[in-house]
N, C-alpha and C. Protein backbone atom coordinates (compact mmCIF):
# COMPACT_ATOMS: atom_id res chain seq x y z
N UNK A 1 -61.26 -121.89 -261.72
CA UNK A 1 -61.85 -123.13 -261.25
C UNK A 1 -61.46 -123.34 -259.79
N UNK A 2 -62.43 -123.54 -258.95
CA UNK A 2 -62.16 -123.72 -257.53
C UNK A 2 -62.17 -125.20 -257.20
N UNK A 3 -61.20 -125.57 -256.39
CA UNK A 3 -61.15 -126.96 -255.94
C UNK A 3 -61.90 -127.07 -254.62
N UNK A 4 -62.71 -128.05 -254.50
CA UNK A 4 -63.41 -128.31 -253.24
C UNK A 4 -62.52 -129.20 -252.38
N UNK A 5 -62.21 -128.70 -251.20
CA UNK A 5 -61.39 -129.50 -250.29
C UNK A 5 -62.07 -129.55 -248.94
N UNK A 6 -61.81 -130.61 -248.22
CA UNK A 6 -62.32 -130.72 -246.87
C UNK A 6 -61.17 -130.44 -245.92
N UNK A 7 -61.44 -129.58 -244.95
CA UNK A 7 -60.43 -129.23 -243.97
C UNK A 7 -60.83 -129.89 -242.65
N UNK A 8 -59.95 -130.74 -242.12
CA UNK A 8 -60.27 -131.40 -240.85
C UNK A 8 -60.49 -130.37 -239.73
N UNK A 9 -61.37 -130.70 -238.79
CA UNK A 9 -61.70 -129.77 -237.72
C UNK A 9 -60.51 -129.43 -236.84
N UNK A 10 -59.55 -130.33 -236.73
CA UNK A 10 -58.40 -130.07 -235.85
C UNK A 10 -57.28 -129.32 -236.57
N UNK A 11 -57.59 -128.73 -237.72
CA UNK A 11 -56.59 -128.00 -238.50
C UNK A 11 -56.21 -126.71 -237.79
N UNK A 12 -54.92 -126.42 -237.76
CA UNK A 12 -54.42 -125.16 -237.23
C UNK A 12 -54.55 -124.13 -238.35
N UNK A 13 -55.45 -123.17 -238.17
CA UNK A 13 -55.73 -122.19 -239.21
C UNK A 13 -54.49 -121.38 -239.60
N UNK A 14 -53.65 -121.08 -238.62
CA UNK A 14 -52.44 -120.31 -238.91
C UNK A 14 -51.46 -121.12 -239.76
N UNK A 15 -51.37 -122.40 -239.48
CA UNK A 15 -50.52 -123.27 -240.29
C UNK A 15 -51.07 -123.35 -241.72
N UNK A 16 -52.38 -123.43 -241.83
CA UNK A 16 -53.02 -123.47 -243.14
C UNK A 16 -52.73 -122.19 -243.93
N UNK A 17 -52.81 -121.05 -243.26
CA UNK A 17 -52.47 -119.78 -243.91
C UNK A 17 -51.03 -119.79 -244.42
N UNK A 18 -50.12 -120.27 -243.58
CA UNK A 18 -48.71 -120.32 -243.98
C UNK A 18 -48.52 -121.22 -245.20
N UNK A 19 -49.24 -122.33 -245.25
CA UNK A 19 -49.14 -123.24 -246.39
C UNK A 19 -49.69 -122.59 -247.67
N UNK A 20 -50.80 -121.88 -247.55
CA UNK A 20 -51.38 -121.20 -248.71
C UNK A 20 -50.41 -120.15 -249.24
N UNK A 21 -49.87 -119.34 -248.33
CA UNK A 21 -48.94 -118.28 -248.74
C UNK A 21 -47.68 -118.88 -249.36
N UNK A 22 -47.19 -119.97 -248.79
CA UNK A 22 -46.01 -120.64 -249.36
C UNK A 22 -46.29 -121.12 -250.78
N UNK A 23 -47.49 -121.66 -251.00
CA UNK A 23 -47.86 -122.12 -252.34
C UNK A 23 -47.96 -120.94 -253.31
N UNK A 24 -48.57 -119.84 -252.87
CA UNK A 24 -48.66 -118.66 -253.72
C UNK A 24 -47.27 -118.13 -254.08
N UNK A 25 -46.38 -118.10 -253.09
CA UNK A 25 -45.02 -117.65 -253.35
C UNK A 25 -44.33 -118.57 -254.35
N UNK A 26 -44.53 -119.86 -254.22
CA UNK A 26 -43.92 -120.83 -255.13
C UNK A 26 -44.47 -120.68 -256.55
N UNK A 27 -45.72 -120.20 -256.66
CA UNK A 27 -46.35 -120.00 -257.97
C UNK A 27 -46.03 -118.62 -258.55
N UNK A 28 -45.14 -117.87 -257.89
CA UNK A 28 -44.74 -116.57 -258.42
C UNK A 28 -45.61 -115.41 -258.00
N UNK A 29 -46.36 -115.58 -256.94
CA UNK A 29 -47.19 -114.49 -256.41
C UNK A 29 -46.66 -114.14 -255.01
N UNK A 30 -45.53 -113.42 -254.97
CA UNK A 30 -44.90 -113.16 -253.68
C UNK A 30 -45.74 -112.27 -252.77
N UNK A 31 -45.96 -112.73 -251.55
CA UNK A 31 -46.65 -111.94 -250.54
C UNK A 31 -46.40 -112.56 -249.18
N UNK A 32 -46.61 -111.74 -248.18
CA UNK A 32 -46.47 -112.23 -246.81
C UNK A 32 -47.83 -112.75 -246.34
N UNK A 33 -47.82 -113.45 -245.24
CA UNK A 33 -49.08 -113.92 -244.66
C UNK A 33 -49.97 -112.72 -244.31
N UNK A 34 -49.34 -111.67 -243.78
CA UNK A 34 -50.09 -110.46 -243.42
C UNK A 34 -50.76 -109.84 -244.65
N UNK A 35 -50.05 -109.77 -245.76
CA UNK A 35 -50.63 -109.23 -246.99
C UNK A 35 -51.80 -110.09 -247.46
N UNK A 36 -51.63 -111.41 -247.38
CA UNK A 36 -52.68 -112.33 -247.80
C UNK A 36 -53.94 -112.12 -246.96
N UNK A 37 -53.78 -112.04 -245.65
CA UNK A 37 -54.91 -111.84 -244.75
C UNK A 37 -55.56 -110.47 -245.01
N UNK A 38 -54.73 -109.45 -245.19
CA UNK A 38 -55.26 -108.11 -245.49
C UNK A 38 -56.09 -108.13 -246.77
N UNK A 39 -55.62 -108.85 -247.78
CA UNK A 39 -56.36 -108.94 -249.04
C UNK A 39 -57.73 -109.59 -248.83
N UNK A 40 -57.75 -110.64 -248.01
CA UNK A 40 -59.02 -111.32 -247.73
C UNK A 40 -59.97 -110.38 -246.99
N UNK A 41 -59.45 -109.72 -245.98
CA UNK A 41 -60.29 -108.81 -245.18
C UNK A 41 -60.79 -107.65 -246.03
N UNK A 42 -59.91 -107.05 -246.84
CA UNK A 42 -60.33 -105.94 -247.69
C UNK A 42 -61.36 -106.37 -248.71
N UNK A 43 -61.18 -107.55 -249.27
CA UNK A 43 -62.14 -108.07 -250.24
C UNK A 43 -63.51 -108.26 -249.58
N UNK A 44 -63.53 -108.84 -248.39
CA UNK A 44 -64.77 -109.05 -247.66
C UNK A 44 -65.41 -107.70 -247.31
N UNK A 45 -64.58 -106.77 -246.85
CA UNK A 45 -65.08 -105.47 -246.44
C UNK A 45 -65.67 -104.71 -247.63
N UNK A 46 -65.01 -104.77 -248.78
CA UNK A 46 -65.54 -104.11 -249.98
C UNK A 46 -66.90 -104.68 -250.34
N UNK A 47 -67.03 -105.99 -250.25
CA UNK A 47 -68.31 -106.63 -250.55
C UNK A 47 -69.40 -106.18 -249.60
N UNK A 48 -69.07 -106.09 -248.31
CA UNK A 48 -70.04 -105.64 -247.31
C UNK A 48 -70.43 -104.19 -247.53
N UNK A 49 -69.44 -103.34 -247.87
CA UNK A 49 -69.73 -101.93 -248.11
C UNK A 49 -70.65 -101.79 -249.31
N UNK A 50 -70.36 -102.52 -250.38
CA UNK A 50 -71.21 -102.46 -251.57
C UNK A 50 -72.62 -102.93 -251.24
N UNK A 51 -72.72 -104.00 -250.48
CA UNK A 51 -74.03 -104.55 -250.11
C UNK A 51 -74.82 -103.53 -249.28
N UNK A 52 -74.16 -102.92 -248.30
CA UNK A 52 -74.84 -101.93 -247.46
C UNK A 52 -75.23 -100.70 -248.28
N UNK A 53 -74.39 -100.29 -249.21
CA UNK A 53 -74.70 -99.14 -250.06
C UNK A 53 -75.92 -99.43 -250.93
N UNK A 54 -75.94 -100.62 -251.52
CA UNK A 54 -77.08 -101.02 -252.36
C UNK A 54 -78.35 -101.03 -251.52
N UNK A 55 -78.27 -101.57 -250.29
CA UNK A 55 -79.44 -101.59 -249.41
C UNK A 55 -79.89 -100.17 -249.08
N UNK A 56 -78.93 -99.27 -248.81
CA UNK A 56 -79.25 -97.88 -248.49
C UNK A 56 -79.93 -97.19 -249.67
N UNK A 57 -79.35 -97.34 -250.86
CA UNK A 57 -79.91 -96.70 -252.05
C UNK A 57 -81.30 -97.25 -252.33
N UNK A 58 -81.48 -98.53 -252.17
CA UNK A 58 -82.79 -99.15 -252.39
C UNK A 58 -83.82 -98.58 -251.42
N UNK A 59 -83.44 -98.46 -250.14
CA UNK A 59 -84.37 -97.89 -249.15
C UNK A 59 -84.70 -96.44 -249.50
N UNK A 60 -83.69 -95.68 -249.94
CA UNK A 60 -83.92 -94.29 -250.32
C UNK A 60 -84.86 -94.21 -251.53
N UNK A 61 -84.64 -95.08 -252.51
CA UNK A 61 -85.50 -95.10 -253.71
C UNK A 61 -86.94 -95.44 -253.34
N UNK A 62 -87.13 -96.39 -252.46
CA UNK A 62 -88.48 -96.77 -252.04
C UNK A 62 -89.14 -95.62 -251.29
N UNK A 63 -88.38 -94.96 -250.40
CA UNK A 63 -88.94 -93.82 -249.65
C UNK A 63 -89.32 -92.69 -250.60
N UNK A 64 -88.46 -92.41 -251.59
CA UNK A 64 -88.75 -91.35 -252.56
C UNK A 64 -89.99 -91.69 -253.37
N UNK A 65 -90.10 -92.94 -253.81
CA UNK A 65 -91.26 -93.36 -254.60
C UNK A 65 -92.54 -93.25 -253.78
N UNK A 66 -92.47 -93.67 -252.52
CA UNK A 66 -93.66 -93.56 -251.66
C UNK A 66 -94.07 -92.11 -251.48
N UNK A 67 -93.07 -91.24 -251.29
CA UNK A 67 -93.38 -89.81 -251.12
C UNK A 67 -94.05 -89.24 -252.37
N UNK A 68 -93.55 -89.64 -253.54
CA UNK A 68 -94.14 -89.17 -254.80
C UNK A 68 -95.56 -89.68 -254.97
N UNK A 69 -95.82 -90.86 -254.45
CA UNK A 69 -97.16 -91.45 -254.57
C UNK A 69 -98.08 -91.00 -253.45
N UNK A 70 -97.57 -90.21 -252.52
CA UNK A 70 -98.41 -89.73 -251.42
C UNK A 70 -98.55 -90.76 -250.32
N UNK A 71 -97.54 -91.49 -250.03
CA UNK A 71 -97.61 -92.51 -248.99
C UNK A 71 -97.89 -93.86 -249.59
N UNK A 72 -98.27 -94.79 -248.73
CA UNK A 72 -98.57 -96.14 -249.21
C UNK A 72 -99.87 -96.11 -250.01
N UNK A 73 -99.81 -96.66 -251.17
CA UNK A 73 -100.98 -96.66 -252.05
C UNK A 73 -101.50 -98.08 -252.19
N UNK A 74 -102.81 -98.19 -252.21
CA UNK A 74 -103.40 -99.49 -252.49
C UNK A 74 -103.63 -99.59 -253.99
N UNK A 75 -103.51 -100.77 -254.49
CA UNK A 75 -103.72 -100.98 -255.91
C UNK A 75 -105.22 -100.90 -256.19
N UNK A 76 -105.58 -100.05 -257.15
CA UNK A 76 -106.99 -99.90 -257.52
C UNK A 76 -107.30 -100.93 -258.60
N UNK A 77 -108.39 -101.62 -258.41
CA UNK A 77 -108.79 -102.61 -259.41
C UNK A 77 -110.09 -102.17 -260.05
N UNK A 78 -110.27 -102.58 -261.25
CA UNK A 78 -111.51 -102.26 -261.96
C UNK A 78 -112.50 -103.39 -261.71
N UNK A 79 -113.74 -103.05 -261.70
CA UNK A 79 -114.76 -104.06 -261.51
C UNK A 79 -115.49 -103.86 -260.20
N UNK A 80 -116.17 -104.90 -259.76
CA UNK A 80 -116.96 -104.81 -258.52
C UNK A 80 -116.02 -104.80 -257.33
N UNK A 81 -116.47 -104.05 -256.28
CA UNK A 81 -115.68 -104.04 -255.07
C UNK A 81 -116.34 -104.85 -254.00
């Protein structure tokens, strides 16, 4: 469950990081601020890599399908033209 919080614009982001890490340490999840930031960056990076891979595979699948169909095909309809 995520808590929605409002962060004032004049918040010092580094101080906020220190507070988050202190809370995690107090809850029994020992880590440094550097480890916490690395985890966030790695998580974001993994998501971006997966997204780019999915986009690449999708483009490859579309190109392969078009090649099998002989290029762009128009849908043929039955009836009067």
